[in-house]
Amino acid sequence: MKKILLLSDTHSYLDAQILKFVKQADEVWHAGDIGDLKVTDAIKSLKPLKAVYGNIDDATARLEFPLDYKFTVEEVSVWITHIGGYPNKYNQRIKAEIEQDPPKIFISGHSHILKVQYDKKLNLLHLNPGAAGKHGFHKVRTMLRFTIDEAQIKDMEIIELAKRV
């Protein structure tokens, strides 16, 4: 069993509120737009991190993190990418591949809009944790927390952080 903290779009911002949830997780997943790598360095100093780079990330981040990260946790296949779209509106770059070989969980960031949506056609769970940083149009900073236990995804929680100011 693994407790996962999923965040995205930190845009160089990390505070004690985020770190409190990092410490409670077994693994942290970051869906891109990291910004300053001090964010991922701080997370990695506390917990294992799986991350992808986003459109605002520089060459240093792109050397450290991939565009797409595919892996399996317990018995659940996962695909994380920053700009991936969502059910019925997947990004053209990934559309054919996700339809041919869908993961059990597909994660993207970029929109700053928290979304938990089941894709009945592809039989996958789409997750977008919203934005944990302060940059962007979102009003409330958000993350997701859940548990993977063998083949089950359970205990899904929306974490609302302080309002963005």
Protein backbone atom coordinates (compact mmCIF):
# COMPACT_ATOMS: atom_id res chain seq x y z
CA MET A 1 0.00 0.00 0.00
CA LYS A 2 1.28 3.46 -0.96
CA LYS A 3 0.03 6.88 0.11
CA ILE A 4 0.46 9.30 -2.79
CA LEU A 5 0.55 13.09 -2.76
CA LEU A 6 -0.06 14.55 -6.23
CA LEU A 7 0.72 18.15 -7.03
CA SER A 8 1.43 20.32 -10.05
CA ASP A 9 2.15 23.85 -11.15
CA THR A 10 4.19 24.96 -8.16
CA HIS A 11 5.88 27.63 -10.31
CA SER A 12 8.85 27.83 -7.87
CA TYR A 13 6.60 28.03 -4.79
CA LEU A 14 6.84 25.65 -1.84
CA ASP A 15 5.67 26.41 1.69
CA ALA A 16 5.31 24.68 5.06
CA GLN A 17 1.70 23.82 4.27
CA ILE A 18 2.73 21.75 1.23
CA LEU A 19 5.66 20.19 3.10
CA LYS A 20 3.33 19.05 5.90
CA PHE A 21 1.45 16.90 3.36
CA VAL A 22 4.71 15.73 1.73
CA LYS A 23 5.80 14.31 5.09
CA GLN A 24 2.55 12.32 5.39
CA ALA A 25 2.95 10.62 1.98
CA ASP A 26 4.94 7.57 0.95
CA GLU A 27 5.61 9.09 -2.50
CA VAL A 28 5.11 12.50 -4.09
CA TRP A 29 4.21 12.93 -7.77
CA HIS A 30 4.65 16.31 -9.50
CA ALA A 31 2.88 16.88 -12.84
CA GLY A 32 5.11 19.68 -14.12
CA ASP A 33 5.68 23.42 -14.10
CA ILE A 34 8.06 22.96 -11.21
CA GLY A 35 9.85 26.26 -11.66
CA ASP A 36 12.92 26.45 -9.43
CA LEU A 37 14.40 23.01 -8.76
CA LYS A 38 14.69 23.96 -5.08
CA VAL A 39 11.04 22.80 -4.98
CA THR A 40 11.81 19.24 -6.12
CA ASP A 41 15.08 19.15 -4.15
CA ALA A 42 13.17 19.94 -0.95
CA ILE A 43 10.56 17.27 -1.71
CA LYS A 44 13.24 14.67 -2.59
CA SER A 45 15.01 15.36 0.71
CA LEU A 46 11.87 14.13 2.49
CA LYS A 47 10.19 11.51 0.25
CA PRO A 48 10.64 9.67 -3.05
CA LEU A 49 9.59 11.88 -5.97
CA LYS A 50 8.30 11.11 -9.45
CA ALA A 51 8.04 14.21 -11.64
CA VAL A 52 7.80 15.52 -15.19
CA TYR A 53 8.78 18.88 -16.59
CA GLY A 54 6.21 21.40 -17.77
CA ASN A 55 6.12 24.15 -20.35
CA ILE A 56 7.63 26.79 -18.01
CA ASP A 57 10.50 24.56 -16.87
CA ASP A 58 14.00 25.38 -18.07
CA ALA A 59 16.71 23.20 -19.61
CA THR A 60 18.02 22.14 -16.18
CA ALA A 61 14.61 20.74 -15.19
CA ARG A 62 14.27 19.10 -18.61
CA LEU A 63 17.58 17.31 -18.06
CA GLU A 64 16.48 16.01 -14.66
CA PHE A 65 12.85 15.11 -15.41
CA PRO A 66 11.14 13.55 -18.46
CA LEU A 67 8.24 14.89 -20.55
CA ASP A 68 6.30 11.68 -19.87
CA TYR A 69 6.73 9.35 -16.91
CA LYS A 70 5.17 5.88 -17.14
CA PHE A 71 5.47 3.46 -14.25
CA THR A 72 3.59 0.94 -12.14
CA VAL A 73 2.84 1.26 -8.43
CA GLU A 74 1.53 -1.85 -6.75
CA GLU A 75 -0.65 -3.19 -9.61
CA VAL A 76 -1.63 0.19 -11.07
CA SER A 77 -0.14 1.59 -14.27
CA VAL A 78 0.39 5.35 -14.27
CA TRP A 79 1.23 7.93 -16.94
CA ILE A 80 2.14 11.48 -15.90
CA THR A 81 2.64 14.31 -18.40
CA HIS A 82 2.18 18.05 -18.00
CA ILE A 83 0.03 18.88 -21.03
CA GLY A 84 -2.16 15.84 -21.61
CA GLY A 85 -5.71 17.06 -21.86
CA TYR A 86 -8.57 15.09 -20.35
CA PRO A 87 -11.19 12.51 -21.38
CA ASN A 88 -12.60 13.16 -24.85
CA LYS A 89 -10.11 16.03 -25.28
CA TYR A 90 -6.67 14.41 -24.99
CA ASN A 91 -3.71 16.32 -26.37
CA GLN A 92 -2.89 15.34 -29.97
CA ARG A 93 0.66 14.36 -28.95
CA ILE A 94 -0.60 11.54 -26.73
CA LYS A 95 -4.04 10.75 -28.17
CA ALA A 96 -3.15 7.69 -30.28
CA GLU A 97 -0.91 6.16 -27.62
CA ILE A 98 -3.36 6.59 -24.75
CA GLU A 99 -6.16 5.07 -26.83
CA GLN A 100 -3.97 2.11 -27.83
CA ASP A 101 -2.49 1.40 -24.39
CA PRO A 102 -4.33 3.30 -21.64
CA PRO A 103 -2.89 3.37 -18.12
CA LYS A 104 -5.12 2.86 -15.10
CA ILE A 105 -4.31 6.43 -13.95
CA PHE A 106 -3.56 9.29 -16.36
CA ILE A 107 -2.25 12.48 -14.76
CA SER A 108 -1.74 15.91 -16.23
CA GLY A 109 -1.29 19.42 -14.90
CA HIS A 110 -1.09 22.69 -16.86
CA SER A 111 -4.72 23.89 -16.65
CA HIS A 112 -4.56 24.89 -12.95
CA ILE A 113 -8.03 23.32 -12.73
CA LEU A 114 -8.43 20.43 -10.29
CA LYS A 115 -10.16 17.54 -12.02
CA VAL A 116 -10.90 13.94 -11.03
CA GLN A 117 -12.69 12.31 -13.94
CA TYR A 118 -13.27 8.71 -14.94
CA ASP A 119 -12.89 7.95 -18.65
CA LYS A 120 -15.43 5.19 -19.30
CA LYS A 121 -14.30 4.75 -22.90
CA LEU A 122 -10.65 4.03 -21.97
CA ASN A 123 -11.37 2.66 -18.48
CA LEU A 124 -8.91 5.00 -16.77
CA LEU A 125 -8.95 7.56 -14.00
CA HIS A 126 -7.84 11.04 -15.10
CA LEU A 127 -6.35 13.26 -12.40
CA ASN A 128 -5.29 16.89 -12.49
CA PRO A 129 -4.35 18.20 -9.04
CA GLY A 130 -4.87 21.84 -9.97
CA ALA A 131 -2.07 24.22 -8.94
CA ALA A 132 -0.16 24.23 -5.66
CA GLY A 133 1.76 27.41 -6.46
CA LYS A 134 0.79 31.07 -6.38
CA HIS A 135 1.25 31.89 -10.08
CA GLY A 136 -1.80 31.67 -12.35
CA PHE A 137 -5.50 32.45 -12.42
CA HIS A 138 -6.65 29.85 -9.86
CA LYS A 139 -8.17 31.22 -6.66
CA VAL A 140 -7.39 28.29 -4.33
CA ARG A 141 -4.17 26.28 -4.32
CA THR A 142 -4.93 22.54 -4.52
CA MET A 143 -3.38 19.07 -4.45
CA LEU A 144 -4.71 15.50 -4.39
CA ARG A 145 -3.97 12.69 -1.97
CA PHE A 146 -4.91 9.04 -2.40
CA THR A 147 -3.87 5.47 -1.66
CA ILE A 148 -2.94 2.70 -4.05
CA ASP A 149 -3.47 -0.74 -2.53
CA GLU A 150 -2.64 -3.57 -4.93
CA ALA A 151 -4.99 -2.83 -7.88
CA GLN A 152 -7.24 -0.40 -5.98
CA ILE A 153 -7.15 3.39 -6.02
CA LYS A 154 -8.90 4.59 -2.88
CA ASP A 155 -9.22 7.28 -0.21
CA MET A 156 -9.10 10.09 -2.79
CA GLU A 157 -8.93 13.50 -1.08
CA ILE A 158 -8.87 17.03 -2.43
CA ILE A 159 -6.49 19.19 -0.44
CA GLU A 160 -7.30 22.89 -0.49
CA LEU A 161 -4.37 25.01 0.59
CA ALA A 162 -4.50 28.69 1.41
CA LYS A 163 -6.12 31.00 -1.12
CA ARG A 164 -3.69 32.37 -3.67
CA VAL A 165 -2.73 35.97 -2.91
